[in-house]
Amino acid sequence: LHGAGLAARFREPLQKHCSHLIPYSQRDQYRTELEERSGSE
């Protein structure tokens, strides 16, 4: 929310878990899908 610092020891695990939920290479596709969803709502 606020862009507060993230301890270095959490960066790699956070990146790893994000990649399991949304592959980095597909993030633009997911972002577009979210925008379309919110537009239809």
PDB file of all heavy atoms in Angstrom:
ATOM      1  N   LEU A   1       0.790  -1.227   0.000  1.00  0.00           N
ATOM      2  CA  LEU A   1       0.000   0.000   0.000  1.00  0.00           C
ATOM      3  C   LEU A   1       0.820   1.274   0.000  1.00  0.00           C
ATOM      4  O   LEU A   1       0.472   2.244  -0.668  1.00  0.00           O
ATOM      5  CB  LEU A   1      -0.950   0.015   1.203  1.00  0.00           C
ATOM      6  CG  LEU A   1      -2.030  -1.055   1.213  1.00  0.00           C
ATOM      7  CD1 LEU A   1      -2.864  -0.937   2.478  1.00  0.00           C
ATOM      8  CD2 LEU A   1      -2.900  -0.947  -0.014  1.00  0.00           C
ATOM      9  N   HIS A   2       1.880   1.277   0.788  1.00  0.00           N
ATOM     10  CA  HIS A   2       2.608   2.520   1.011  1.00  0.00           C
ATOM     11  C   HIS A   2       4.018   2.523   0.437  1.00  0.00           C
ATOM     12  O   HIS A   2       4.720   3.515   0.564  1.00  0.00           O
ATOM     13  CB  HIS A   2       2.678   2.814   2.509  1.00  0.00           C
ATOM     14  CG  HIS A   2       1.330   2.790   3.173  1.00  0.00           C
ATOM     15  ND1 HIS A   2       0.342   3.678   2.874  1.00  0.00           N
ATOM     16  CD2 HIS A   2       0.815   1.934   4.090  1.00  0.00           C
ATOM     17  CE1 HIS A   2      -0.730   3.405   3.592  1.00  0.00           C
ATOM     18  NE2 HIS A   2      -0.478   2.339   4.334  1.00  0.00           N
ATOM     19  N   GLY A   3       4.429   1.411  -0.146  1.00  0.00           N
ATOM     20  CA  GLY A   3       5.764   1.346  -0.716  1.00  0.00           C
ATOM     21  C   GLY A   3       6.847   1.283   0.333  1.00  0.00           C
ATOM     22  O   GLY A   3       7.998   1.601   0.062  1.00  0.00           O
ATOM     23  N   ALA A   4       6.470   0.881   1.551  1.00  0.00           N
ATOM     24  CA  ALA A   4       7.459   0.763   2.620  1.00  0.00           C
ATOM     25  C   ALA A   4       8.511  -0.259   2.211  1.00  0.00           C
ATOM     26  O   ALA A   4       8.240  -1.178   1.432  1.00  0.00           O
ATOM     27  CB  ALA A   4       6.784   0.334   3.914  1.00  0.00           C
ATOM     28  N   GLY A   5       9.689  -0.097   2.737  1.00  0.00           N
ATOM     29  CA  GLY A   5      10.791  -0.981   2.391  1.00  0.00           C
ATOM     30  C   GLY A   5      10.485  -2.443   2.646  1.00  0.00           C
ATOM     31  O   GLY A   5       9.719  -2.797   3.540  1.00  0.00           O
ATOM     32  N   LEU A   6      11.060  -3.287   1.844  1.00  0.00           N
ATOM     33  CA  LEU A   6      10.902  -4.728   1.978  1.00  0.00           C
ATOM     34  C   LEU A   6      12.264  -5.304   2.319  1.00  0.00           C
ATOM     35  O   LEU A   6      13.235  -5.081   1.585  1.00  0.00           O
ATOM     36  CB  LEU A   6      10.378  -5.321   0.663  1.00  0.00           C
ATOM     37  CG  LEU A   6      10.154  -6.820   0.623  1.00  0.00           C
ATOM     38  CD1 LEU A   6       9.009  -7.209   1.559  1.00  0.00           C
ATOM     39  CD2 LEU A   6       9.828  -7.270  -0.790  1.00  0.00           C
ATOM     40  N   ALA A   7      12.336  -6.013   3.429  1.00  0.00           N
ATOM     41  CA  ALA A   7      13.608  -6.610   3.841  1.00  0.00           C
ATOM     42  C   ALA A   7      14.129  -7.534   2.737  1.00  0.00           C
ATOM     43  O   ALA A   7      13.355  -8.251   2.092  1.00  0.00           O
ATOM     44  CB  ALA A   7      13.429  -7.388   5.139  1.00  0.00           C
ATOM     45  N   ALA A   8      15.425  -7.496   2.525  1.00  0.00           N
ATOM     46  CA  ALA A   8      16.052  -8.273   1.453  1.00  0.00           C
ATOM     47  C   ALA A   8      15.732  -9.761   1.559  1.00  0.00           C
ATOM     48  O   ALA A   8      15.559 -10.432   0.546  1.00  0.00           O
ATOM     49  CB  ALA A   8      17.556  -8.050   1.466  1.00  0.00           C
ATOM     50  N   ARG A   9      15.598 -10.263   2.778  1.00  0.00           N
ATOM     51  CA  ARG A   9      15.354 -11.699   2.944  1.00  0.00           C
ATOM     52  C   ARG A   9      13.965 -12.129   2.453  1.00  0.00           C
ATOM     53  O   ARG A   9      13.714 -13.313   2.253  1.00  0.00           O
ATOM     54  CB  ARG A   9      15.551 -12.111   4.400  1.00  0.00           C
ATOM     55  CG  ARG A   9      14.531 -11.575   5.357  1.00  0.00           C
ATOM     56  CD  ARG A   9      14.827 -12.037   6.784  1.00  0.00           C
ATOM     57  NE  ARG A   9      13.811 -11.634   7.704  1.00  0.00           N
ATOM     58  CZ  ARG A   9      13.793 -10.471   8.355  1.00  0.00           C
ATOM     59  NH1 ARG A   9      14.769  -9.603   8.169  1.00  0.00           N
ATOM     60  NH2 ARG A   9      12.825 -10.193   9.193  1.00  0.00           N
ATOM     61  N   PHE A  10      13.067 -11.167   2.245  1.00  0.00           N
ATOM     62  CA  PHE A  10      11.724 -11.489   1.765  1.00  0.00           C
ATOM     63  C   PHE A  10      11.571 -11.316   0.250  1.00  0.00           C
ATOM     64  O   PHE A  10      10.585 -11.767  -0.320  1.00  0.00           O
ATOM     65  CB  PHE A  10      10.672 -10.624   2.457  1.00  0.00           C
ATOM     66  CG  PHE A  10      10.588 -10.845   3.937  1.00  0.00           C
ATOM     67  CD1 PHE A  10      10.658  -9.778   4.807  1.00  0.00           C
ATOM     68  CD2 PHE A  10      10.451 -12.115   4.464  1.00  0.00           C
ATOM     69  CE1 PHE A  10      10.575  -9.968   6.179  1.00  0.00           C
ATOM     70  CE2 PHE A  10      10.376 -12.326   5.829  1.00  0.00           C
ATOM     71  CZ  PHE A  10      10.442 -11.239   6.686  1.00  0.00           C
ATOM     72  N   ARG A  11      12.509 -10.664  -0.390  1.00  0.00           N
ATOM     73  CA  ARG A  11      12.357 -10.362  -1.824  1.00  0.00           C
ATOM     74  C   ARG A  11      12.302 -11.623  -2.678  1.00  0.00           C
ATOM     75  O   ARG A  11      11.407 -11.780  -3.500  1.00  0.00           O
ATOM     76  CB  ARG A  11      13.482  -9.447  -2.297  1.00  0.00           C
ATOM     77  CG  ARG A  11      13.314  -8.055  -1.770  1.00  0.00           C
ATOM     78  CD  ARG A  11      14.385  -7.131  -2.255  1.00  0.00           C
ATOM     79  NE  ARG A  11      14.254  -5.872  -1.521  1.00  0.00           N
ATOM     80  CZ  ARG A  11      15.216  -4.997  -1.391  1.00  0.00           C
ATOM     81  NH1 ARG A  11      16.382  -5.214  -1.956  1.00  0.00           N
ATOM     82  NH2 ARG A  11      15.015  -3.900  -0.705  1.00  0.00           N
ATOM     83  N   GLU A  12      13.257 -12.499  -2.510  1.00  0.00           N
ATOM     84  CA  GLU A  12      13.287 -13.709  -3.337  1.00  0.00           C
ATOM     85  C   GLU A  12      12.081 -14.621  -3.077  1.00  0.00           C
ATOM     86  O   GLU A  12      11.428 -15.068  -4.029  1.00  0.00           O
ATOM     87  CB  GLU A  12      14.592 -14.479  -3.130  1.00  0.00           C
ATOM     88  CG  GLU A  12      14.730 -15.656  -4.075  1.00  0.00           C
ATOM     89  CD  GLU A  12      16.052 -16.369  -3.922  1.00  0.00           C
ATOM     90  OE1 GLU A  12      17.042 -15.739  -3.513  1.00  0.00           O
ATOM     91  OE2 GLU A  12      16.075 -17.565  -4.215  1.00  0.00           O
ATOM     92  N   PRO A  13      11.723 -14.876  -1.801  1.00  0.00           N
ATOM     93  CA  PRO A  13      10.537 -15.707  -1.574  1.00  0.00           C
ATOM     94  C   PRO A  13       9.250 -15.073  -2.121  1.00  0.00           C
ATOM     95  O   PRO A  13       8.396 -15.779  -2.670  1.00  0.00           O
ATOM     96  CB  PRO A  13      10.462 -15.850  -0.051  1.00  0.00           C
ATOM     97  CG  PRO A  13      11.839 -15.576   0.431  1.00  0.00           C
ATOM     98  CD  PRO A  13      12.433 -14.614  -0.548  1.00  0.00           C
ATOM     99  N   LEU A  14       9.119 -13.746  -2.009  1.00  0.00           N
ATOM    100  CA  LEU A  14       7.929 -13.077  -2.536  1.00  0.00           C
ATOM    101  C   LEU A  14       7.873 -13.211  -4.051  1.00  0.00           C
ATOM    102  O   LEU A  14       6.827 -13.513  -4.627  1.00  0.00           O
ATOM    103  CB  LEU A  14       7.915 -11.608  -2.115  1.00  0.00           C
ATOM    104  CG  LEU A  14       6.697 -10.798  -2.558  1.00  0.00           C
ATOM    105  CD1 LEU A  14       5.406 -11.408  -2.023  1.00  0.00           C
ATOM    106  CD2 LEU A  14       6.829  -9.352  -2.098  1.00  0.00           C
ATOM    107  N   GLN A  15       8.998 -13.027  -4.690  1.00  0.00           N
ATOM    108  CA  GLN A  15       9.064 -13.161  -6.149  1.00  0.00           C
ATOM    109  C   GLN A  15       8.711 -14.590  -6.562  1.00  0.00           C
ATOM    110  O   GLN A  15       7.946 -14.809  -7.503  1.00  0.00           O
ATOM    111  CB  GLN A  15      10.466 -12.792  -6.622  1.00  0.00           C
ATOM    112  CG  GLN A  15      10.620 -12.776  -8.116  1.00  0.00           C
ATOM    113  CD  GLN A  15      11.983 -12.256  -8.537  1.00  0.00           C
ATOM    114  OE1 GLN A  15      12.672 -11.581  -7.775  1.00  0.00           O
ATOM    115  NE2 GLN A  15      12.379 -12.575  -9.735  1.00  0.00           N
ATOM    116  N   LYS A  16       9.212 -15.565  -5.834  1.00  0.00           N
ATOM    117  CA  LYS A  16       8.951 -16.968  -6.147  1.00  0.00           C
ATOM    118  C   LYS A  16       7.463 -17.295  -6.016  1.00  0.00           C
ATOM    119  O   LYS A  16       6.866 -17.923  -6.900  1.00  0.00           O
ATOM    120  CB  LYS A  16       9.761 -17.858  -5.201  1.00  0.00           C
ATOM    121  CG  LYS A  16       9.543 -19.327  -5.402  1.00  0.00           C
ATOM    122  CD  LYS A  16      10.360 -20.129  -4.411  1.00  0.00           C
ATOM    123  CE  LYS A  16      10.047 -21.594  -4.499  1.00  0.00           C
ATOM    124  NZ  LYS A  16      10.749 -22.369  -3.473  1.00  0.00           N
ATOM    125  N   HIS A  17       6.838 -16.835  -4.938  1.00  0.00           N
ATOM    126  CA  HIS A  17       5.426 -17.145  -4.726  1.00  0.00           C
ATOM    127  C   HIS A  17       4.523 -16.388  -5.694  1.00  0.00           C
ATOM    128  O   HIS A  17       3.504 -16.912  -6.127  1.00  0.00           O
ATOM    129  CB  HIS A  17       5.032 -16.898  -3.270  1.00  0.00           C
ATOM    130  CG  HIS A  17       5.537 -17.970  -2.362  1.00  0.00           C
ATOM    131  ND1 HIS A  17       4.970 -19.224  -2.305  1.00  0.00           N
ATOM    132  CD2 HIS A  17       6.586 -18.007  -1.524  1.00  0.00           C
ATOM    133  CE1 HIS A  17       5.648 -19.974  -1.456  1.00  0.00           C
ATOM    134  NE2 HIS A  17       6.633 -19.254  -0.962  1.00  0.00           N
ATOM    135  N   CYS A  18       4.901 -15.174  -6.044  1.00  0.00           N
ATOM    136  CA  CYS A  18       4.132 -14.444  -7.060  1.00  0.00           C
ATOM    137  C   CYS A  18       4.190 -15.177  -8.390  1.00  0.00           C
ATOM    138  O   CYS A  18       3.189 -15.261  -9.099  1.00  0.00           O
ATOM    139  CB  CYS A  18       4.665 -13.018  -7.220  1.00  0.00           C
ATOM    140  SG  CYS A  18       4.197 -11.907  -5.885  1.00  0.00           S
ATOM    141  N   SER A  19       5.350 -15.735  -8.712  1.00  0.00           N
ATOM    142  CA  SER A  19       5.488 -16.435  -9.995  1.00  0.00           C
ATOM    143  C   SER A  19       4.642 -17.705 -10.045  1.00  0.00           C
ATOM    144  O   SER A  19       4.225 -18.130 -11.118  1.00  0.00           O
ATOM    145  CB  SER A  19       6.946 -16.757 -10.287  1.00  0.00           C
ATOM    146  OG  SER A  19       7.428 -17.769  -9.428  1.00  0.00           O
ATOM    147  N   HIS A  20       4.375 -18.299  -8.886  1.00  0.00           N
ATOM    148  CA  HIS A  20       3.498 -19.475  -8.863  1.00  0.00           C
ATOM    149  C   HIS A  20       2.051 -19.087  -9.127  1.00  0.00           C
ATOM    150  O   HIS A  20       1.288 -19.863  -9.702  1.00  0.00           O
ATOM    151  CB  HIS A  20       3.581 -20.201  -7.518  1.00  0.00           C
ATOM    152  CG  HIS A  20       4.862 -20.923  -7.314  1.00  0.00           C
ATOM    153  ND1 HIS A  20       5.266 -21.987  -8.092  1.00  0.00           N
ATOM    154  CD2 HIS A  20       5.867 -20.726  -6.423  1.00  0.00           C
ATOM    155  CE1 HIS A  20       6.444 -22.413  -7.689  1.00  0.00           C
ATOM    156  NE2 HIS A  20       6.834 -21.672  -6.676  1.00  0.00           N
ATOM    157  N   LEU A  21       1.665 -17.882  -8.707  1.00  0.00           N
ATOM    158  CA  LEU A  21       0.279 -17.447  -8.863  1.00  0.00           C
ATOM    159  C   LEU A  21       0.019 -16.766 -10.202  1.00  0.00           C
ATOM    160  O   LEU A  21      -1.027 -16.957 -10.808  1.00  0.00           O
ATOM    161  CB  LEU A  21      -0.096 -16.515  -7.710  1.00  0.00           C
ATOM    162  CG  LEU A  21      -0.083 -17.180  -6.334  1.00  0.00           C
ATOM    163  CD1 LEU A  21      -0.206 -16.143  -5.237  1.00  0.00           C
ATOM    164  CD2 LEU A  21      -1.199 -18.199  -6.238  1.00  0.00           C
ATOM    165  N   ILE A  22       0.958 -15.945 -10.650  1.00  0.00           N
ATOM    166  CA  ILE A  22       0.871 -15.285 -11.954  1.00  0.00           C
ATOM    167  C   ILE A  22       2.282 -15.240 -12.535  1.00  0.00           C
ATOM    168  O   ILE A  22       3.132 -14.531 -12.007  1.00  0.00           O
ATOM    169  CB  ILE A  22       0.323 -13.855 -11.850  1.00  0.00           C
ATOM    170  CG1 ILE A  22      -1.132 -13.856 -11.408  1.00  0.00           C
ATOM    171  CG2 ILE A  22       0.466 -13.128 -13.191  1.00  0.00           C
ATOM    172  CD1 ILE A  22      -1.765 -12.479 -11.301  1.00  0.00           C
ATOM    173  N   PRO A  23       2.542 -15.996 -13.593  1.00  0.00           N
ATOM    174  CA  PRO A  23       3.874 -15.949 -14.203  1.00  0.00           C
ATOM    175  C   PRO A  23       4.225 -14.526 -14.645  1.00  0.00           C
ATOM    176  O   PRO A  23       3.375 -13.807 -15.170  1.00  0.00           O
ATOM    177  CB  PRO A  23       3.750 -16.884 -15.405  1.00  0.00           C
ATOM    178  CG  PRO A  23       2.618 -17.783 -15.055  1.00  0.00           C
ATOM    179  CD  PRO A  23       1.673 -16.948 -14.240  1.00  0.00           C
ATOM    180  N   TYR A  24       5.454 -14.124 -14.377  1.00  0.00           N
ATOM    181  CA  TYR A  24       5.886 -12.762 -14.680  1.00  0.00           C
ATOM    182  C   TYR A  24       5.670 -12.428 -16.157  1.00  0.00           C
ATOM    183  O   TYR A  24       5.249 -11.334 -16.489  1.00  0.00           O
ATOM    184  CB  TYR A  24       7.357 -12.584 -14.307  1.00  0.00           C
ATOM    185  CG  TYR A  24       7.835 -11.162 -14.402  1.00  0.00           C
ATOM    186  CD1 TYR A  24       7.469 -10.225 -13.448  1.00  0.00           C
ATOM    187  CD2 TYR A  24       8.632 -10.751 -15.461  1.00  0.00           C
ATOM    188  CE1 TYR A  24       7.894  -8.915 -13.528  1.00  0.00           C
ATOM    189  CE2 TYR A  24       9.059  -9.440 -15.552  1.00  0.00           C
ATOM    190  CZ  TYR A  24       8.698  -8.527 -14.578  1.00  0.00           C
ATOM    191  OH  TYR A  24       9.121  -7.225 -14.674  1.00  0.00           O
ATOM    192  N   SER A  25       5.899 -13.399 -17.032  1.00  0.00           N
ATOM    193  CA  SER A  25       5.758 -13.151 -18.469  1.00  0.00           C
ATOM    194  C   SER A  25       4.308 -12.911 -18.877  1.00  0.00           C
ATOM    195  O   SER A  25       4.046 -12.343 -19.931  1.00  0.00           O
ATOM    196  CB  SER A  25       6.323 -14.329 -19.263  1.00  0.00           C
ATOM    197  OG  SER A  25       5.608 -15.511 -18.946  1.00  0.00           O
ATOM    198  N   GLN A  26       3.355 -13.316 -18.048  1.00  0.00           N
ATOM    199  CA  GLN A  26       1.937 -13.174 -18.380  1.00  0.00           C
ATOM    200  C   GLN A  26       1.243 -12.068 -17.593  1.00  0.00           C
ATOM    201  O   GLN A  26       0.036 -11.920 -17.660  1.00  0.00           O
ATOM    202  CB  GLN A  26       1.214 -14.495 -18.122  1.00  0.00           C
ATOM    203  CG  GLN A  26       1.704 -15.614 -18.992  1.00  0.00           C
ATOM    204  CD  GLN A  26       1.036 -16.931 -18.639  1.00  0.00           C
ATOM    205  OE1 GLN A  26       0.132 -16.987 -17.822  1.00  0.00           O
ATOM    206  NE2 GLN A  26       1.514 -18.000 -19.246  1.00  0.00           N
ATOM    207  N   ARG A  27       2.002 -11.263 -16.845  1.00  0.00           N
ATOM    208  CA  ARG A  27       1.381 -10.268 -15.971  1.00  0.00           C
ATOM    209  C   ARG A  27       0.573  -9.233 -16.750  1.00  0.00           C
ATOM    210  O   ARG A  27      -0.470  -8.804 -16.278  1.00  0.00           O
ATOM    211  CB  ARG A  27       2.414  -9.610 -15.067  1.00  0.00           C
ATOM    212  CG  ARG A  27       3.376  -8.705 -15.770  1.00  0.00           C
ATOM    213  CD  ARG A  27       4.561  -8.312 -14.909  1.00  0.00           C
ATOM    214  NE  ARG A  27       5.395  -7.342 -15.573  1.00  0.00           N
ATOM    215  CZ  ARG A  27       6.153  -7.572 -16.620  1.00  0.00           C
ATOM    216  NH1 ARG A  27       6.188  -8.769 -17.151  1.00  0.00           N
ATOM    217  NH2 ARG A  27       6.873  -6.619 -17.165  1.00  0.00           N
ATOM    218  N   ASP A  28       1.003  -8.860 -17.951  1.00  0.00           N
ATOM    219  CA  ASP A  28       0.247  -7.881 -18.740  1.00  0.00           C
ATOM    220  C   ASP A  28      -1.102  -8.452 -19.168  1.00  0.00           C
ATOM    221  O   ASP A  28      -2.104  -7.741 -19.186  1.00  0.00           O
ATOM    222  CB  ASP A  28       1.044  -7.427 -19.964  1.00  0.00           C
ATOM    223  CG  ASP A  28       2.259  -6.596 -19.574  1.00  0.00           C
ATOM    224  OD1 ASP A  28       2.210  -5.940 -18.507  1.00  0.00           O
ATOM    225  OD2 ASP A  28       3.250  -6.612 -20.322  1.00  0.00           O
ATOM    226  N   GLN A  29      -1.136  -9.722 -19.492  1.00  0.00           N
ATOM    227  CA  GLN A  29      -2.381 -10.396 -19.873  1.00  0.00           C
ATOM    228  C   GLN A  29      -3.359 -10.386 -18.687  1.00  0.00           C
ATOM    229  O   GLN A  29      -4.544 -10.090 -18.847  1.00  0.00           O
ATOM    230  CB  GLN A  29      -2.075 -11.830 -20.284  1.00  0.00           C
ATOM    231  CG  GLN A  29      -3.288 -12.694 -20.519  1.00  0.00           C
ATOM    232  CD  GLN A  29      -2.885 -14.147 -20.746  1.00  0.00           C
ATOM    233  OE1 GLN A  29      -1.738 -14.449 -21.048  1.00  0.00           O
ATOM    234  NE2 GLN A  29      -3.830 -15.044 -20.579  1.00  0.00           N
ATOM    235  N   TYR A  30      -2.874 -10.677 -17.491  1.00  0.00           N
ATOM    236  CA  TYR A  30      -3.727 -10.685 -16.303  1.00  0.00           C
ATOM    237  C   TYR A  30      -4.207  -9.270 -15.983  1.00  0.00           C
ATOM    238  O   TYR A  30      -5.355  -9.075 -15.587  1.00  0.00           O
ATOM    239  CB  TYR A  30      -2.975 -11.258 -15.101  1.00  0.00           C
ATOM    240  CG  TYR A  30      -2.931 -12.764 -15.088  1.00  0.00           C
ATOM    241  CD1 TYR A  30      -1.962 -13.459 -15.806  1.00  0.00           C
ATOM    242  CD2 TYR A  30      -3.848 -13.492 -14.352  1.00  0.00           C
ATOM    243  CE1 TYR A  30      -1.912 -14.845 -15.790  1.00  0.00           C
ATOM    244  CE2 TYR A  30      -3.814 -14.875 -14.324  1.00  0.00           C
ATOM    245  CZ  TYR A  30      -2.842 -15.546 -15.050  1.00  0.00           C
ATOM    246  OH  TYR A  30      -2.804 -16.907 -15.036  1.00  0.00           O
ATOM    247  N   ARG A  31      -3.340  -8.295 -16.143  1.00  0.00           N
ATOM    248  CA  ARG A  31      -3.707  -6.896 -15.883  1.00  0.00           C
ATOM    249  C   ARG A  31      -4.828  -6.463 -16.833  1.00  0.00           C
ATOM    250  O   ARG A  31      -5.808  -5.848 -16.422  1.00  0.00           O
ATOM    251  CB  ARG A  31      -2.489  -5.986 -16.040  1.00  0.00           C
ATOM    252  CG  ARG A  31      -2.755  -4.555 -15.636  1.00  0.00           C
ATOM    253  CD  ARG A  31      -1.513  -3.676 -15.725  1.00  0.00           C
ATOM    254  NE  ARG A  31      -0.460  -4.159 -14.840  1.00  0.00           N
ATOM    255  CZ  ARG A  31       0.724  -4.623 -15.245  1.00  0.00           C
ATOM    256  NH1 ARG A  31       1.026  -4.666 -16.532  1.00  0.00           N
ATOM    257  NH2 ARG A  31       1.628  -5.033 -14.381  1.00  0.00           N
ATOM    258  N   THR A  32      -4.709  -6.822 -18.102  1.00  0.00           N
ATOM    259  CA  THR A  32      -5.736  -6.498 -19.094  1.00  0.00           C
ATOM    260  C   THR A  32      -7.059  -7.165 -18.728  1.00  0.00           C
ATOM    261  O   THR A  32      -8.121  -6.543 -18.804  1.00  0.00           O
ATOM    262  CB  THR A  32      -5.282  -6.952 -20.495  1.00  0.00           C
ATOM    263  OG1 THR A  32      -4.049  -6.314 -20.810  1.00  0.00           O
ATOM    264  CG2 THR A  32      -6.315  -6.615 -21.543  1.00  0.00           C
ATOM    265  N   GLU A  33      -6.993  -8.420 -18.311  1.00  0.00           N
ATOM    266  CA  GLU A  33      -8.203  -9.146 -17.919  1.00  0.00           C
ATOM    267  C   GLU A  33      -8.883  -8.468 -16.727  1.00  0.00           C
ATOM    268  O   GLU A  33     -10.103  -8.330 -16.689  1.00  0.00           O
ATOM    269  CB  GLU A  33      -7.850 -10.584 -17.563  1.00  0.00           C
ATOM    270  CG  GLU A  33      -9.049 -11.447 -17.259  1.00  0.00           C
ATOM    271  CD  GLU A  33      -8.651 -12.878 -16.945  1.00  0.00           C
ATOM    272  OE1 GLU A  33      -7.688 -13.390 -17.551  1.00  0.00           O
ATOM    273  OE2 GLU A  33      -9.317 -13.476 -16.084  1.00  0.00           O
ATOM    274  N   LEU A  34      -8.095  -8.014 -15.752  1.00  0.00           N
ATOM    275  CA  LEU A  34      -8.663  -7.310 -14.601  1.00  0.00           C
ATOM    276  C   LEU A  34      -9.337  -6.011 -15.024  1.00  0.00           C
ATOM    277  O   LEU A  34     -10.415  -5.675 -14.540  1.00  0.00           O
ATOM    278  CB  LEU A  34      -7.567  -6.990 -13.580  1.00  0.00           C
ATOM    279  CG  LEU A  34      -7.271  -8.047 -12.545  1.00  0.00           C
ATOM    280  CD1 LEU A  34      -6.061  -7.639 -11.712  1.00  0.00           C
ATOM    281  CD2 LEU A  34      -8.460  -8.302 -11.652  1.00  0.00           C
ATOM    282  N   GLU A  35      -8.702  -5.280 -15.931  1.00  0.00           N
ATOM    283  CA  GLU A  35      -9.276  -4.021 -16.404  1.00  0.00           C
ATOM    284  C   GLU A  35     -10.591  -4.272 -17.142  1.00  0.00           C
ATOM    285  O   GLU A  35     -11.552  -3.522 -16.987  1.00  0.00           O
ATOM    286  CB  GLU A  35      -8.284  -3.286 -17.301  1.00  0.00           C
ATOM    287  CG  GLU A  35      -7.103  -2.734 -16.545  1.00  0.00           C
ATOM    288  CD  GLU A  35      -5.987  -2.233 -17.443  1.00  0.00           C
ATOM    289  OE1 GLU A  35      -6.100  -2.331 -18.686  1.00  0.00           O
ATOM    290  OE2 GLU A  35      -4.988  -1.744 -16.894  1.00  0.00           O
ATOM    291  N   GLU A  36     -10.638  -5.336 -17.928  1.00  0.00           N
ATOM    292  CA  GLU A  36     -11.875  -5.677 -18.641  1.00  0.00           C
ATOM    293  C   GLU A  36     -12.983  -6.061 -17.667  1.00  0.00           C
ATOM    294  O   GLU A  36     -14.125  -5.674 -17.830  1.00  0.00           O
ATOM    295  CB  GLU A  36     -11.614  -6.819 -19.627  1.00  0.00           C
ATOM    296  CG  GLU A  36     -10.793  -6.403 -20.820  1.00  0.00           C
ATOM    297  CD  GLU A  36     -10.401  -7.577 -21.699  1.00  0.00           C
ATOM    298  OE1 GLU A  36     -10.738  -8.741 -21.373  1.00  0.00           O
ATOM    299  OE2 GLU A  36      -9.742  -7.326 -22.722  1.00  0.00           O
ATOM    300  N   ARG A  37     -12.604  -6.820 -16.627  1.00  0.00           N
ATOM    301  CA  ARG A  37     -13.575  -7.206 -15.599  1.00  0.00           C
ATOM    302  C   ARG A  37     -14.158  -5.984 -14.907  1.00  0.00           C
ATOM    303  O   ARG A  37     -15.361  -5.876 -14.735  1.00  0.00           O
ATOM    304  CB  ARG A  37     -12.906  -8.065 -14.527  1.00  0.00           C
ATOM    305  CG  ARG A  37     -12.985  -9.519 -14.771  1.00  0.00           C
ATOM    306  CD  ARG A  37     -12.675 -10.227 -13.472  1.00  0.00           C
ATOM    307  NE  ARG A  37     -11.677 -11.239 -13.684  1.00  0.00           N
ATOM    308  CZ  ARG A  37     -11.010 -11.847 -12.728  1.00  0.00           C
ATOM    309  NH1 ARG A  37     -11.185 -11.512 -11.476  1.00  0.00           N
ATOM    310  NH2 ARG A  37     -10.151 -12.779 -13.008  1.00  0.00           N
ATOM    311  N   SER A  38     -13.289  -5.074 -14.507  1.00  0.00           N
ATOM    312  CA  SER A  38     -13.776  -3.890 -13.792  1.00  0.00           C
ATOM    313  C   SER A  38     -14.592  -2.999 -14.721  1.00  0.00           C
ATOM    314  O   SER A  38     -15.556  -2.373 -14.287  1.00  0.00           O
ATOM    315  CB  SER A  38     -12.622  -3.112 -13.160  1.00  0.00           C
ATOM    316  OG  SER A  38     -11.792  -2.561 -14.147  1.00  0.00           O
ATOM    317  N   GLY A  39     -14.258  -2.963 -15.997  1.00  0.00           N
ATOM    318  CA  GLY A  39     -15.035  -2.194 -16.957  1.00  0.00           C
ATOM    319  C   GLY A  39     -16.428  -2.748 -17.142  1.00  0.00           C
ATOM    320  O   GLY A  39     -17.417  -2.016 -17.196  1.00  0.00           O
ATOM    321  N   SER A  40     -16.548  -4.072 -17.201  1.00  0.00           N
ATOM    322  CA  SER A  40     -17.871  -4.680 -17.363  1.00  0.00           C
ATOM    323  C   SER A  40     -18.699  -4.526 -16.098  1.00  0.00           C
ATOM    324  O   SER A  40     -19.906  -4.370 -16.157  1.00  0.00           O
ATOM    325  CB  SER A  40     -17.752  -6.160 -17.743  1.00  0.00           C
ATOM    326  OG  SER A  40     -17.187  -6.909 -16.700  1.00  0.00           O
ATOM    327  N   GLU A  41     -18.070  -4.534 -14.937  1.00  0.00           N
ATOM    328  CA  GLU A  41     -18.804  -4.318 -13.685  1.00  0.00           C
ATOM    329  C   GLU A  41     -19.319  -2.889 -13.615  1.00  0.00           C
ATOM    330  O   GLU A  41     -20.427  -2.658 -13.159  1.00  0.00           O
ATOM    331  CB  GLU A  41     -17.907  -4.620 -12.487  1.00  0.00           C
ATOM    332  CG  GLU A  41     -17.626  -6.090 -12.304  1.00  0.00           C
ATOM    333  CD  GLU A  41     -16.604  -6.370 -11.234  1.00  0.00           C
ATOM    334  OE1 GLU A  41     -16.177  -5.418 -10.544  1.00  0.00           O
ATOM    335  OE2 GLU A  41     -16.225  -7.533 -11.074  1.00  0.00           O
TER     336      GLU A  41
END
